């Protein structure tokens, strides 16, 4: 019997998705992959991390075709001064990294369309975490990643969150042909403002124990 299992977590910016993932990791003793996926993909492909970090920030112009991304030579190893890399190739590389990790161990994947990439695995649970604006702003203000945004007002932070969520939605919708954040796209959608992050962890953990580990 297949013993490996996977939890994929999509989330709104500041909704507490990574916090929930880390708490689940402590409970079940399985690793969390978030930004680590970018580092692994960078190492295996020879491309710098910024290439993968920026790939989901390019607006999708059409669902009919993929367009090339132009990067400076610093993004590549020995590939000349300038080169064009199809963003579909970046997605493929990240997908291979996720599948390779999944072939070796149980894991929790945050973002990166992991739910779609592992969609054919019978022991994969997909979760989406949402929260209200006030809680998201408060969480962002506590984040070290927000050092460059300390001077923004709450309204400006909300606008920033909207833009970041839009980027995530465009990236997810484009590659998965599903709707980011929509209940039909996931096994479970939870509101961390209503439930609290600890209750979200409890609900997800119960599902893992009662469904995935049976």
C-alpha atoms as a PDB file:
ATOM      1  CA  UNK A   1       0.000   0.000   0.000  1.00  0.00           C
ATOM      2  CA  UNK A   2       1.245   3.468  -0.876  1.00  0.00           C
ATOM      3  CA  UNK A   3       2.301   5.151   2.369  1.00  0.00           C
ATOM      4  CA  UNK A   4       3.215   8.608   1.110  1.00  0.00           C
ATOM      5  CA  UNK A   5       0.679  11.424   1.299  1.00  0.00           C
ATOM      6  CA  UNK A   6       0.637  15.121   0.476  1.00  0.00           C
ATOM      7  CA  UNK A   7      -1.042  18.309   1.606  1.00  0.00           C
ATOM      8  CA  UNK A   8      -1.096  21.256  -0.781  1.00  0.00           C
ATOM      9  CA  UNK A   9      -1.959  24.685   0.575  1.00  0.00           C
ATOM     10  CA  UNK A  10      -3.073  27.625  -1.520  1.00  0.00           C
ATOM     11  CA  UNK A  11      -3.610  30.883   0.326  1.00  0.00           C
ATOM     12  CA  UNK A  12      -4.345  34.547   0.153  1.00  0.00           C
ATOM     13  CA  UNK A  13      -1.399  36.736   1.054  1.00  0.00           C
ATOM     14  CA  UNK A  14      -1.367  37.178   4.830  1.00  0.00           C
ATOM     15  CA  UNK A  15      -4.040  34.548   5.498  1.00  0.00           C
ATOM     16  CA  UNK A  16      -1.708  32.346   7.540  1.00  0.00           C
ATOM     17  CA  UNK A  17      -1.211  29.522   5.055  1.00  0.00           C
ATOM     18  CA  UNK A  18       2.503  29.077   5.772  1.00  0.00           C
ATOM     19  CA  UNK A  19       1.915  29.239   9.521  1.00  0.00           C
ATOM     20  CA  UNK A  20      -0.677  26.469   9.207  1.00  0.00           C
ATOM     21  CA  UNK A  21       1.671  24.413   7.024  1.00  0.00           C
ATOM     22  CA  UNK A  22       4.480  24.644   9.589  1.00  0.00           C
ATOM     23  CA  UNK A  23       2.195  23.563  12.433  1.00  0.00           C
ATOM     24  CA  UNK A  24       1.027  20.569  10.402  1.00  0.00           C
ATOM     25  CA  UNK A  25       4.666  19.763   9.709  1.00  0.00           C
ATOM     26  CA  UNK A  26       5.357  19.615  13.446  1.00  0.00           C
ATOM     27  CA  UNK A  27       2.361  17.347  14.074  1.00  0.00           C
ATOM     28  CA  UNK A  28       3.090  14.822  11.336  1.00  0.00           C
ATOM     29  CA  UNK A  29       6.848  15.130  11.053  1.00  0.00           C
ATOM     30  CA  UNK A  30       6.849  15.817   7.328  1.00  0.00           C
ATOM     31  CA  UNK A  31       8.646  18.702   5.576  1.00  0.00           C
ATOM     32  CA  UNK A  32       7.137  21.910   4.224  1.00  0.00           C
ATOM     33  CA  UNK A  33       8.182  23.167   0.798  1.00  0.00           C
ATOM     34  CA  UNK A  34       7.518  26.813  -0.020  1.00  0.00           C
ATOM     35  CA  UNK A  35      10.381  28.974  -1.250  1.00  0.00           C
ATOM     36  CA  UNK A  36      12.569  25.879  -0.998  1.00  0.00           C
ATOM     37  CA  UNK A  37      11.002  24.725  -4.257  1.00  0.00           C
ATOM     38  CA  UNK A  38      12.475  27.752  -6.013  1.00  0.00           C
ATOM     39  CA  UNK A  39      15.917  27.055  -4.578  1.00  0.00           C
ATOM     40  CA  UNK A  40      15.811  23.413  -5.694  1.00  0.00           C
ATOM     41  CA  UNK A  41      14.507  24.309  -9.158  1.00  0.00           C
ATOM     42  CA  UNK A  42      17.230  26.932  -9.474  1.00  0.00           C
ATOM     43  CA  UNK A  43      19.966  24.481  -8.492  1.00  0.00           C
ATOM     44  CA  UNK A  44      18.772  21.713 -10.806  1.00  0.00           C
ATOM     45  CA  UNK A  45      18.171  23.958 -13.820  1.00  0.00           C
ATOM     46  CA  UNK A  46      21.162  26.278 -13.512  1.00  0.00           C
ATOM     47  CA  UNK A  47      18.849  29.318 -13.533  1.00  0.00           C
ATOM     48  CA  UNK A  48      18.979  31.935 -10.813  1.00  0.00           C
ATOM     49  CA  UNK A  49      16.196  32.054  -8.225  1.00  0.00           C
ATOM     50  CA  UNK A  50      14.891  35.388  -9.521  1.00  0.00           C
ATOM     51  CA  UNK A  51      13.790  33.740 -12.759  1.00  0.00           C
ATOM     52  CA  UNK A  52      11.373  31.485 -10.899  1.00  0.00           C
ATOM     53  CA  UNK A  53      10.333  34.163  -8.405  1.00  0.00           C
ATOM     54  CA  UNK A  54       9.376  36.530 -11.222  1.00  0.00           C
ATOM     55  CA  UNK A  55       7.664  33.958 -13.430  1.00  0.00           C
ATOM     56  CA  UNK A  56       4.352  34.219 -11.575  1.00  0.00           C
ATOM     57  CA  UNK A  57       4.382  38.017 -11.712  1.00  0.00           C
ATOM     58  CA  UNK A  58       3.923  38.310 -15.477  1.00  0.00           C
ATOM     59  CA  UNK A  59       0.298  39.026 -16.440  1.00  0.00           C
ATOM     60  CA  UNK A  60      -1.281  36.265 -18.535  1.00  0.00           C
ATOM     61  CA  UNK A  61      -2.381  37.831 -21.806  1.00  0.00           C
ATOM     62  CA  UNK A  62      -4.119  34.837 -23.275  1.00  0.00           C
ATOM     63  CA  UNK A  63      -5.191  31.337 -22.336  1.00  0.00           C
ATOM     64  CA  UNK A  64      -4.487  30.173 -25.890  1.00  0.00           C
ATOM     65  CA  UNK A  65      -0.719  30.302 -25.861  1.00  0.00           C
ATOM     66  CA  UNK A  66       2.407  30.874 -23.828  1.00  0.00           C
ATOM     67  CA  UNK A  67       4.762  33.733 -24.524  1.00  0.00           C
ATOM     68  CA  UNK A  68       8.483  33.929 -23.912  1.00  0.00           C
ATOM     69  CA  UNK A  69      10.086  35.751 -21.012  1.00  0.00           C
ATOM     70  CA  UNK A  70      13.178  37.841 -21.650  1.00  0.00           C
ATOM     71  CA  UNK A  71      15.810  37.775 -18.928  1.00  0.00           C
ATOM     72  CA  UNK A  72      19.281  39.250 -18.678  1.00  0.00           C
ATOM     73  CA  UNK A  73      22.273  36.947 -18.992  1.00  0.00           C
ATOM     74  CA  UNK A  74      22.764  36.997 -15.209  1.00  0.00           C
ATOM     75  CA  UNK A  75      19.863  34.552 -14.995  1.00  0.00           C
ATOM     76  CA  UNK A  76      21.751  31.867 -16.843  1.00  0.00           C
ATOM     77  CA  UNK A  77      24.937  29.870 -16.595  1.00  0.00           C
ATOM     78  CA  UNK A  78      27.051  30.237 -19.741  1.00  0.00           C
ATOM     79  CA  UNK A  79      24.121  31.054 -22.019  1.00  0.00           C
ATOM     80  CA  UNK A  80      25.291  34.402 -23.349  1.00  0.00           C
ATOM     81  CA  UNK A  81      24.193  37.937 -22.634  1.00  0.00           C
ATOM     82  CA  UNK A  82      20.469  37.622 -23.311  1.00  0.00           C
ATOM     83  CA  UNK A  83      18.138  34.712 -23.881  1.00  0.00           C
ATOM     84  CA  UNK A  84      14.460  33.919 -24.094  1.00  0.00           C
ATOM     85  CA  UNK A  85      12.993  31.212 -21.899  1.00  0.00           C
ATOM     86  CA  UNK A  86       9.412  30.115 -22.344  1.00  0.00           C
ATOM     87  CA  UNK A  87       7.598  30.417 -19.022  1.00  0.00           C
ATOM     88  CA  UNK A  88       6.026  27.020 -19.708  1.00  0.00           C
ATOM     89  CA  UNK A  89       9.497  25.567 -19.261  1.00  0.00           C
ATOM     90  CA  UNK A  90       9.797  27.242 -15.857  1.00  0.00           C
ATOM     91  CA  UNK A  91       6.479  25.716 -14.841  1.00  0.00           C
ATOM     92  CA  UNK A  92       7.625  22.316 -16.128  1.00  0.00           C
ATOM     93  CA  UNK A  93      10.850  22.503 -14.105  1.00  0.00           C
ATOM     94  CA  UNK A  94       8.998  23.375 -10.911  1.00  0.00           C
ATOM     95  CA  UNK A  95       6.524  20.588 -11.595  1.00  0.00           C
ATOM     96  CA  UNK A  96       9.340  18.075 -11.980  1.00  0.00           C
ATOM     97  CA  UNK A  97      10.837  19.212  -8.676  1.00  0.00           C
ATOM     98  CA  UNK A  98       7.495  18.754  -6.893  1.00  0.00           C
ATOM     99  CA  UNK A  99       6.923  15.322  -8.440  1.00  0.00           C
ATOM    100  CA  UNK A 100      10.462  14.240  -7.596  1.00  0.00           C
ATOM    101  CA  UNK A 101      10.022  15.247  -3.940  1.00  0.00           C
ATOM    102  CA  UNK A 102       6.639  13.491  -3.845  1.00  0.00           C
ATOM    103  CA  UNK A 103       8.170  10.285  -5.231  1.00  0.00           C
ATOM    104  CA  UNK A 104      10.503  10.111  -2.232  1.00  0.00           C
ATOM    105  CA  UNK A 105       8.516  11.287   0.781  1.00  0.00           C
ATOM    106  CA  UNK A 106       5.319  12.663   2.230  1.00  0.00           C
ATOM    107  CA  UNK A 107       5.304  16.457   2.202  1.00  0.00           C
ATOM    108  CA  UNK A 108       3.374  19.697   2.506  1.00  0.00           C
ATOM    109  CA  UNK A 109       3.557  22.007  -0.488  1.00  0.00           C
ATOM    110  CA  UNK A 110       2.635  25.690  -0.239  1.00  0.00           C
ATOM    111  CA  UNK A 111       1.567  27.346  -3.491  1.00  0.00           C
ATOM    112  CA  UNK A 112       3.235  26.677  -6.885  1.00  0.00           C
ATOM    113  CA  UNK A 113       0.117  24.923  -8.240  1.00  0.00           C
ATOM    114  CA  UNK A 114       1.147  21.784  -6.362  1.00  0.00           C
ATOM    115  CA  UNK A 115      -2.473  20.626  -6.094  1.00  0.00           C
ATOM    116  CA  UNK A 116      -2.691  20.527  -9.883  1.00  0.00           C
ATOM    117  CA  UNK A 117       0.729  18.946 -10.349  1.00  0.00           C
ATOM    118  CA  UNK A 118      -0.172  16.141  -7.907  1.00  0.00           C
ATOM    119  CA  UNK A 119      -3.814  15.923  -9.002  1.00  0.00           C
ATOM    120  CA  UNK A 120      -3.588  12.274 -10.052  1.00  0.00           C
ATOM    121  CA  UNK A 121      -2.228  11.111  -6.718  1.00  0.00           C
ATOM    122  CA  UNK A 122      -5.018   9.477  -4.654  1.00  0.00           C
ATOM    123  CA  UNK A 123      -3.533  10.530  -1.307  1.00  0.00           C
ATOM    124  CA  UNK A 124      -3.253  14.255  -1.907  1.00  0.00           C
ATOM    125  CA  UNK A 125      -5.426  16.781  -0.057  1.00  0.00           C
ATOM    126  CA  UNK A 126      -5.757  20.309  -1.415  1.00  0.00           C
ATOM    127  CA  UNK A 127      -6.571  23.195   0.935  1.00  0.00           C
ATOM    128  CA  UNK A 128      -7.147  26.913   0.427  1.00  0.00           C
ATOM    129  CA  UNK A 129      -6.790  29.424   3.276  1.00  0.00           C
ATOM    130  CA  UNK A 130      -8.512  32.791   3.240  1.00  0.00           C
ATOM    131  CA  UNK A 131      -8.944  35.571   5.823  1.00  0.00           C
ATOM    132  CA  UNK A 132     -10.413  39.051   6.203  1.00  0.00           C
ATOM    133  CA  UNK A 133      -8.441  42.179   5.314  1.00  0.00           C
ATOM    134  CA  UNK A 134      -7.866  43.322   8.907  1.00  0.00           C
ATOM    135  CA  UNK A 135      -6.296  40.027   9.964  1.00  0.00           C
ATOM    136  CA  UNK A 136      -4.202  39.839   6.815  1.00  0.00           C
ATOM    137  CA  UNK A 137      -2.864  43.369   7.307  1.00  0.00           C
ATOM    138  CA  UNK A 138      -2.053  42.617  10.963  1.00  0.00           C
ATOM    139  CA  UNK A 139      -0.214  39.426   9.996  1.00  0.00           C
ATOM    140  CA  UNK A 140       1.762  41.186   7.264  1.00  0.00           C
ATOM    141  CA  UNK A 141       2.870  43.902   9.678  1.00  0.00           C
ATOM    142  CA  UNK A 142       4.412  41.192  11.862  1.00  0.00           C
ATOM    143  CA  UNK A 143       6.220  39.579   8.940  1.00  0.00           C
ATOM    144  CA  UNK A 144       9.922  40.178   8.396  1.00  0.00           C
ATOM    145  CA  UNK A 145       9.204  40.105   4.678  1.00  0.00           C
ATOM    146  CA  UNK A 146       7.290  43.365   5.077  1.00  0.00           C
ATOM    147  CA  UNK A 147      10.238  45.469   6.247  1.00  0.00           C
ATOM    148  CA  UNK A 148      10.071  47.446   3.016  1.00  0.00           C
ATOM    149  CA  UNK A 149       6.398  48.241   3.518  1.00  0.00           C
ATOM    150  CA  UNK A 150       6.404  49.509   7.100  1.00  0.00           C
ATOM    151  CA  UNK A 151       5.465  53.014   6.006  1.00  0.00           C
ATOM    152  CA  UNK A 152       2.380  51.928   4.072  1.00  0.00           C
ATOM    153  CA  UNK A 153      -1.036  52.741   5.461  1.00  0.00           C
ATOM    154  CA  UNK A 154      -3.588  49.974   6.036  1.00  0.00           C
ATOM    155  CA  UNK A 155      -5.384  50.976   2.838  1.00  0.00           C
ATOM    156  CA  UNK A 156      -2.147  50.856   0.885  1.00  0.00           C
ATOM    157  CA  UNK A 157      -1.386  47.417   2.297  1.00  0.00           C
ATOM    158  CA  UNK A 158      -4.835  46.195   1.272  1.00  0.00           C
ATOM    159  CA  UNK A 159      -4.187  47.461  -2.256  1.00  0.00           C
ATOM    160  CA  UNK A 160      -0.825  45.653  -2.239  1.00  0.00           C
ATOM    161  CA  UNK A 161      -2.528  42.424  -1.101  1.00  0.00           C
ATOM    162  CA  UNK A 162      -5.100  42.721  -3.876  1.00  0.00           C
ATOM    163  CA  UNK A 163      -2.351  43.010  -6.482  1.00  0.00           C
ATOM    164  CA  UNK A 164      -0.418  40.048  -5.082  1.00  0.00           C
ATOM    165  CA  UNK A 165      -3.572  37.924  -4.928  1.00  0.00           C
ATOM    166  CA  UNK A 166      -4.327  38.839  -8.529  1.00  0.00           C
ATOM    167  CA  UNK A 167      -0.869  37.648  -9.612  1.00  0.00           C
ATOM    168  CA  UNK A 168      -1.372  34.359  -7.806  1.00  0.00           C
ATOM    169  CA  UNK A 169      -4.816  33.927  -9.326  1.00  0.00           C
ATOM    170  CA  UNK A 170      -3.614  34.635 -12.874  1.00  0.00           C
ATOM    171  CA  UNK A 171      -0.724  32.203 -12.515  1.00  0.00           C
ATOM    172  CA  UNK A 172      -2.892  29.447 -11.000  1.00  0.00           C
ATOM    173  CA  UNK A 173      -5.820  29.878 -13.389  1.00  0.00           C
ATOM    174  CA  UNK A 174      -3.555  29.934 -16.424  1.00  0.00           C
ATOM    175  CA  UNK A 175      -1.775  26.678 -15.672  1.00  0.00           C
ATOM    176  CA  UNK A 176      -4.456  24.661 -13.905  1.00  0.00           C
ATOM    177  CA  UNK A 177      -7.562  25.706 -15.860  1.00  0.00           C
ATOM    178  CA  UNK A 178      -9.257  26.041 -12.474  1.00  0.00           C
ATOM    179  CA  UNK A 179     -10.238  29.068 -10.392  1.00  0.00           C
ATOM    180  CA  UNK A 180      -7.818  30.179  -7.674  1.00  0.00           C
ATOM    181  CA  UNK A 181      -9.549  30.430  -4.302  1.00  0.00           C
ATOM    182  CA  UNK A 182     -12.838  28.946  -5.555  1.00  0.00           C
ATOM    183  CA  UNK A 183     -14.275  26.138  -3.445  1.00  0.00           C
ATOM    184  CA  UNK A 184     -14.675  23.846  -6.463  1.00  0.00           C
ATOM    185  CA  UNK A 185     -10.911  23.896  -7.023  1.00  0.00           C
ATOM    186  CA  UNK A 186      -9.976  22.409  -3.632  1.00  0.00           C
ATOM    187  CA  UNK A 187     -10.888  19.634  -1.234  1.00  0.00           C
ATOM    188  CA  UNK A 188     -11.210  22.074   1.646  1.00  0.00           C
ATOM    189  CA  UNK A 189     -11.471  25.870   1.968  1.00  0.00           C
ATOM    190  CA  UNK A 190     -11.002  27.437   5.412  1.00  0.00           C
ATOM    191  CA  UNK A 191     -11.276  30.994   6.715  1.00  0.00           C
ATOM    192  CA  UNK A 192      -8.563  31.578   9.305  1.00  0.00           C
ATOM    193  CA  UNK A 193     -10.299  34.759  10.517  1.00  0.00           C
ATOM    194  CA  UNK A 194     -13.434  32.806  11.425  1.00  0.00           C
ATOM    195  CA  UNK A 195     -11.738  29.650  12.698  1.00  0.00           C
ATOM    196  CA  UNK A 196      -8.308  30.796  13.818  1.00  0.00           C
ATOM    197  CA  UNK A 197      -5.149  29.156  12.521  1.00  0.00           C
ATOM    198  CA  UNK A 198      -5.081  26.523  15.286  1.00  0.00           C
ATOM    199  CA  UNK A 199      -8.593  25.357  14.437  1.00  0.00           C
ATOM    200  CA  UNK A 200      -7.657  25.231  10.746  1.00  0.00           C
ATOM    201  CA  UNK A 201      -4.726  23.020  11.681  1.00  0.00           C
ATOM    202  CA  UNK A 202      -7.006  20.797  13.752  1.00  0.00           C
ATOM    203  CA  UNK A 203      -9.507  20.372  10.902  1.00  0.00           C
ATOM    204  CA  UNK A 204      -6.822  19.558   8.352  1.00  0.00           C
ATOM    205  CA  UNK A 205      -5.049  17.210  10.769  1.00  0.00           C
ATOM    206  CA  UNK A 206      -8.305  15.328  11.443  1.00  0.00           C
ATOM    207  CA  UNK A 207      -8.787  14.823   7.713  1.00  0.00           C
ATOM    208  CA  UNK A 208      -5.231  13.550   7.324  1.00  0.00           C
ATOM    209  CA  UNK A 209      -5.689  11.055  10.164  1.00  0.00           C
ATOM    210  CA  UNK A 210      -9.195   9.915   9.194  1.00  0.00           C
ATOM    211  CA  UNK A 211      -8.836   9.855   5.407  1.00  0.00           C
ATOM    212  CA  UNK A 212      -5.249   9.919   4.152  1.00  0.00           C
ATOM    213  CA  UNK A 213      -3.733   7.716   6.855  1.00  0.00           C
ATOM    214  CA  UNK A 214      -6.462   5.087   6.995  1.00  0.00           C
END
